[in-house]
Amino acid sequence: MAKRRVAILISGRGSNMAALLAAARSEDFPAEIALVLSNRPAAKGLAAAREAGLATAIVDHTRFGQDREAFERALQAELEKQQIDILCLAGFMRLLTPWLVSRWHGRMLNIHPALLPAFKGLDTHARALAAGVKIHGATVHFVIPEMDSGPVIAQGALAVRDDDTPDTLAARVLALEHRIYPAALRLVAEERVRVVDGRCVIDGAPVSDHVLLVPADEA
């Protein structure tokens, strides 16, 4: 099977982008990073992508005012130009409309710093600590029009420490994100993921059988 062509969409430094790039350098990885696209011309991740020799593109959302679909049509044009198969959102700070999401059904991935369906939205680490949870983590999911609600592809979990702050917890969860996002992309690129009744099944088993639980002494 030919390697699937992936575009990474970023708005900032692209921390998860770097993890995906590192994974894709392996010859046996089933996907290649064909494009890094940002909605912000000053996104720091663009420079890193260029240094890595990758094609980059900018679709500045501010040029389109409140016309979200016009912005997405311009974005779609760039993706089609590069013959992209799979999209990976990596800190892409735009809510996407059904117009774009429907065109990438089952091919658009996002990562969220919490164990969905808990703590959708922003400030996940502070909210998790305020709620007193003992286990926290990150989730890779397919994108659907409803925010942070798509079928879960992969999750990683770690124990919350008694002395955790939002910043320390965020740093440990970010390291976890860097492990599960490439793993989820591999599964999708190898066509090992199916959505059955709104839930992902991997090699015939539910996602719950594949959760990465990081031991306390490693997290």
Protein backbone atom coordinates (compact mmCIF):
# COMPACT_ATOMS: atom_id res chain seq x y z
CA MET A 1 0.00 0.00 0.00
CA ALA A 2 1.29 3.45 -0.91
CA LYS A 3 1.92 5.80 1.97
CA ARG A 4 -1.03 8.04 2.74
CA ARG A 5 -0.44 11.77 2.24
CA VAL A 6 -1.05 13.73 5.43
CA ALA A 7 -1.53 17.43 6.06
CA ILE A 8 -0.94 18.81 9.55
CA LEU A 9 -2.96 21.91 10.43
CA ILE A 10 -1.44 24.19 13.06
CA SER A 11 -2.00 27.61 14.59
CA GLY A 12 1.06 27.85 16.83
CA ARG A 13 4.34 26.10 17.59
CA GLY A 14 3.22 22.68 16.42
CA SER A 15 4.40 20.50 19.31
CA ASN A 16 2.34 17.52 18.16
CA MET A 17 3.42 18.28 14.61
CA ALA A 18 7.01 17.54 15.63
CA ALA A 19 5.96 14.17 17.08
CA LEU A 20 4.13 13.25 13.88
CA LEU A 21 7.10 14.31 11.76
CA ALA A 22 9.45 12.18 13.84
CA ALA A 23 7.22 9.13 13.47
CA ALA A 24 6.83 9.63 9.72
CA ARG A 25 10.60 9.50 9.22
CA SER A 26 10.51 5.76 9.82
CA GLU A 27 10.46 3.77 6.60
CA ASP A 28 7.74 1.48 7.91
CA PHE A 29 5.40 4.31 8.87
CA PRO A 30 2.35 4.12 6.58
CA ALA A 31 1.96 7.89 6.09
CA GLU A 32 4.06 10.78 4.86
CA ILE A 33 3.71 14.39 5.94
CA ALA A 34 3.03 16.14 2.65
CA LEU A 35 1.94 19.55 3.92
CA VAL A 36 1.91 21.75 7.02
CA LEU A 37 -0.79 24.40 6.81
CA SER A 38 -1.53 27.25 9.21
CA ASN A 39 -4.25 29.85 9.55
CA ARG A 40 -1.73 32.20 11.17
CA PRO A 41 1.19 33.55 9.10
CA ALA A 42 3.34 33.95 12.24
CA ALA A 43 2.82 30.40 13.54
CA LYS A 44 6.19 29.18 14.84
CA GLY A 45 5.59 25.68 13.57
CA LEU A 46 5.82 26.86 9.97
CA ALA A 47 9.52 27.65 10.35
CA ALA A 48 10.17 24.22 11.82
CA ALA A 49 8.31 22.58 8.95
CA ARG A 50 10.31 24.51 6.37
CA GLU A 51 13.56 23.56 8.09
CA ALA A 52 12.45 19.94 7.77
CA GLY A 53 12.02 20.45 4.03
CA LEU A 54 8.23 20.18 4.07
CA ALA A 55 5.77 22.01 1.88
CA THR A 56 3.91 24.70 3.82
CA ALA A 57 0.87 26.85 3.14
CA ILE A 58 -0.90 29.73 4.88
CA VAL A 59 -4.62 30.41 4.70
CA ASP A 60 -5.03 33.47 6.91
CA HIS A 61 -8.53 33.32 8.38
CA THR A 62 -8.53 37.07 9.07
CA ARG A 63 -8.69 37.73 5.33
CA PHE A 64 -12.19 36.25 5.22
CA GLY A 65 -13.84 38.21 8.04
CA GLN A 66 -16.83 36.30 9.39
CA ASP A 67 -17.21 34.15 6.28
CA ARG A 68 -16.05 30.82 7.72
CA GLU A 69 -17.04 28.83 4.66
CA ALA A 70 -14.99 31.07 2.36
CA PHE A 71 -11.98 30.45 4.61
CA GLU A 72 -12.60 26.71 4.51
CA ARG A 73 -12.99 26.68 0.74
CA ALA A 74 -9.56 28.30 0.44
CA LEU A 75 -8.17 25.75 2.88
CA GLN A 76 -9.76 22.90 0.93
CA ALA A 77 -8.19 24.18 -2.28
CA GLU A 78 -4.73 23.95 -0.72
CA LEU A 79 -5.41 20.42 0.47
CA GLU A 80 -6.62 19.32 -2.94
CA LYS A 81 -3.56 20.89 -4.57
CA GLN A 82 -1.35 18.61 -2.47
CA GLN A 83 -3.60 15.54 -2.96
CA ILE A 84 -4.02 15.05 0.78
CA ASP A 85 -5.57 11.84 2.10
CA ILE A 86 -5.68 12.48 5.88
CA LEU A 87 -5.80 15.62 8.01
CA CYS A 88 -4.23 15.89 11.47
CA LEU A 89 -5.21 18.92 13.53
CA ALA A 90 -2.38 19.86 15.89
CA GLY A 91 -3.27 22.94 17.86
CA PHE A 92 -5.40 24.29 15.01
CA MET A 93 -7.46 26.91 16.78
CA ARG A 94 -10.45 27.16 14.48
CA LEU A 95 -13.86 25.58 14.86
CA LEU A 96 -14.68 23.96 11.53
CA THR A 97 -18.07 23.98 9.88
CA PRO A 98 -20.00 20.96 8.65
CA TRP A 99 -19.12 22.04 5.10
CA LEU A 100 -15.46 21.07 5.60
CA VAL A 101 -15.89 18.34 8.20
CA SER A 102 -18.25 16.38 5.95
CA ARG A 103 -15.65 16.32 3.19
CA TRP A 104 -13.13 14.69 5.51
CA HIS A 105 -15.42 12.27 7.30
CA GLY A 106 -13.29 9.49 8.79
CA ARG A 107 -10.10 11.18 7.56
CA MET A 108 -9.72 14.16 9.93
CA LEU A 109 -8.06 13.56 13.30
CA ASN A 110 -7.69 15.83 16.31
CA ILE A 111 -6.03 15.48 19.70
CA HIS A 112 -7.54 16.76 22.93
CA PRO A 113 -5.75 17.09 26.30
CA ALA A 114 -8.29 15.15 28.37
CA LEU A 115 -9.95 11.77 28.50
CA LEU A 116 -13.01 12.49 26.41
CA PRO A 117 -15.91 12.72 26.89
CA ALA A 118 -14.71 14.42 30.09
CA PHE A 119 -13.52 18.03 29.96
CA LYS A 120 -14.36 19.06 26.44
CA GLY A 121 -13.20 22.54 25.46
CA LEU A 122 -10.44 24.64 27.03
CA ASP A 123 -8.53 24.74 30.34
CA THR A 124 -8.76 20.98 30.68
CA HIS A 125 -5.94 20.54 33.19
CA ALA A 126 -7.17 23.17 35.64
CA ARG A 127 -10.69 21.77 35.38
CA ALA A 128 -9.47 18.23 35.96
CA LEU A 129 -7.61 19.27 39.10
CA ALA A 130 -10.58 21.27 40.35
CA ALA A 131 -12.78 18.22 39.87
CA GLY A 132 -10.38 16.08 41.88
CA VAL A 133 -9.93 13.38 39.26
CA LYS A 134 -7.27 10.74 39.91
CA ILE A 135 -6.69 9.79 36.25
CA HIS A 136 -6.21 12.28 33.42
CA GLY A 137 -4.85 12.03 29.90
CA ALA A 138 -5.35 12.73 26.22
CA THR A 139 -7.58 11.55 23.38
CA VAL A 140 -7.20 11.28 19.61
CA HIS A 141 -10.56 11.31 17.86
CA PHE A 142 -12.17 11.72 14.49
CA VAL A 143 -13.54 15.22 13.94
CA ILE A 144 -17.29 15.69 13.62
CA PRO A 145 -19.22 18.98 13.59
CA GLU A 146 -19.79 18.84 17.37
CA MET A 147 -16.65 19.97 19.21
CA ASP A 148 -14.58 17.24 20.91
CA SER A 149 -17.33 14.68 20.32
CA GLY A 150 -16.09 12.44 17.51
CA PRO A 151 -15.38 8.71 17.79
CA VAL A 152 -12.31 8.01 19.93
CA ILE A 153 -9.37 6.40 18.13
CA ALA A 154 -6.78 6.32 20.92
CA GLN A 155 -6.39 7.44 24.52
CA GLY A 156 -3.51 7.68 26.94
CA ALA A 157 -3.94 7.97 30.70
CA LEU A 158 -1.75 8.81 33.66
CA ALA A 159 -2.21 9.24 37.40
CA VAL A 160 -2.70 12.74 38.74
CA ARG A 161 -0.12 13.54 41.42
CA ASP A 162 -0.99 15.15 44.72
CA ASP A 163 1.34 18.08 43.98
CA ASP A 164 0.26 18.59 40.36
CA THR A 165 -0.48 22.09 39.12
CA PRO A 166 -2.16 22.86 35.79
CA ASP A 167 1.30 23.49 34.33
CA THR A 168 2.95 20.29 35.57
CA LEU A 169 -0.04 18.22 34.58
CA ALA A 170 -0.11 19.86 31.14
CA ALA A 171 3.57 19.03 30.58
CA ARG A 172 3.08 15.36 31.42
CA VAL A 173 -0.06 15.08 29.32
CA LEU A 174 1.73 16.72 26.39
CA ALA A 175 4.40 14.01 26.50
CA LEU A 176 1.57 11.48 26.42
CA GLU A 177 0.02 13.23 23.40
CA HIS A 178 3.31 12.85 21.56
CA ARG A 179 3.06 9.07 22.02
CA ILE A 180 -0.56 8.45 21.11
CA TYR A 181 -1.01 10.80 18.14
CA PRO A 182 1.49 9.02 15.86
CA ALA A 183 0.06 5.67 16.99
CA ALA A 184 -3.46 6.79 16.06
CA LEU A 185 -2.32 8.10 12.69
CA ARG A 186 -0.65 4.77 11.97
CA LEU A 187 -3.89 2.91 12.72
CA VAL A 188 -5.92 5.17 10.44
CA ALA A 189 -3.36 5.12 7.63
CA GLU A 190 -3.27 1.33 7.76
CA GLU A 191 -7.09 1.29 7.56
CA ARG A 192 -7.33 -0.70 10.79
CA VAL A 193 -9.99 1.58 12.29
CA ARG A 194 -13.71 1.23 11.59
CA VAL A 195 -16.56 3.23 13.08
CA VAL A 196 -19.43 1.01 14.21
CA ASP A 197 -22.51 2.63 15.77
CA GLY A 198 -20.57 5.83 16.41
CA ARG A 199 -17.61 4.10 18.09
CA CYS A 200 -14.21 3.13 16.75
CA VAL A 201 -13.23 -0.51 16.48
CA ILE A 202 -9.56 -1.38 15.97
CA ASP A 203 -8.72 -4.76 14.48
CA GLY A 204 -12.14 -5.93 15.63
CA ALA A 205 -11.68 -4.81 19.26
CA PRO A 206 -13.09 -1.74 21.01
CA VAL A 207 -10.78 1.21 21.61
CA SER A 208 -11.00 0.61 25.37
CA ASP A 209 -8.79 -2.44 24.82
CA HIS A 210 -6.03 -0.21 23.41
CA VAL A 211 -5.75 2.59 25.99
CA LEU A 212 -2.15 3.47 26.83
CA LEU A 213 -1.82 3.64 30.62
CA VAL A 214 1.47 5.16 31.69
CA PRO A 215 2.81 3.79 34.99
CA ALA A 216 3.19 6.37 37.76
CA ASP A 217 6.98 6.04 37.80
CA GLU A 218 7.18 6.86 34.09
CA ALA A 219 4.68 9.72 33.88
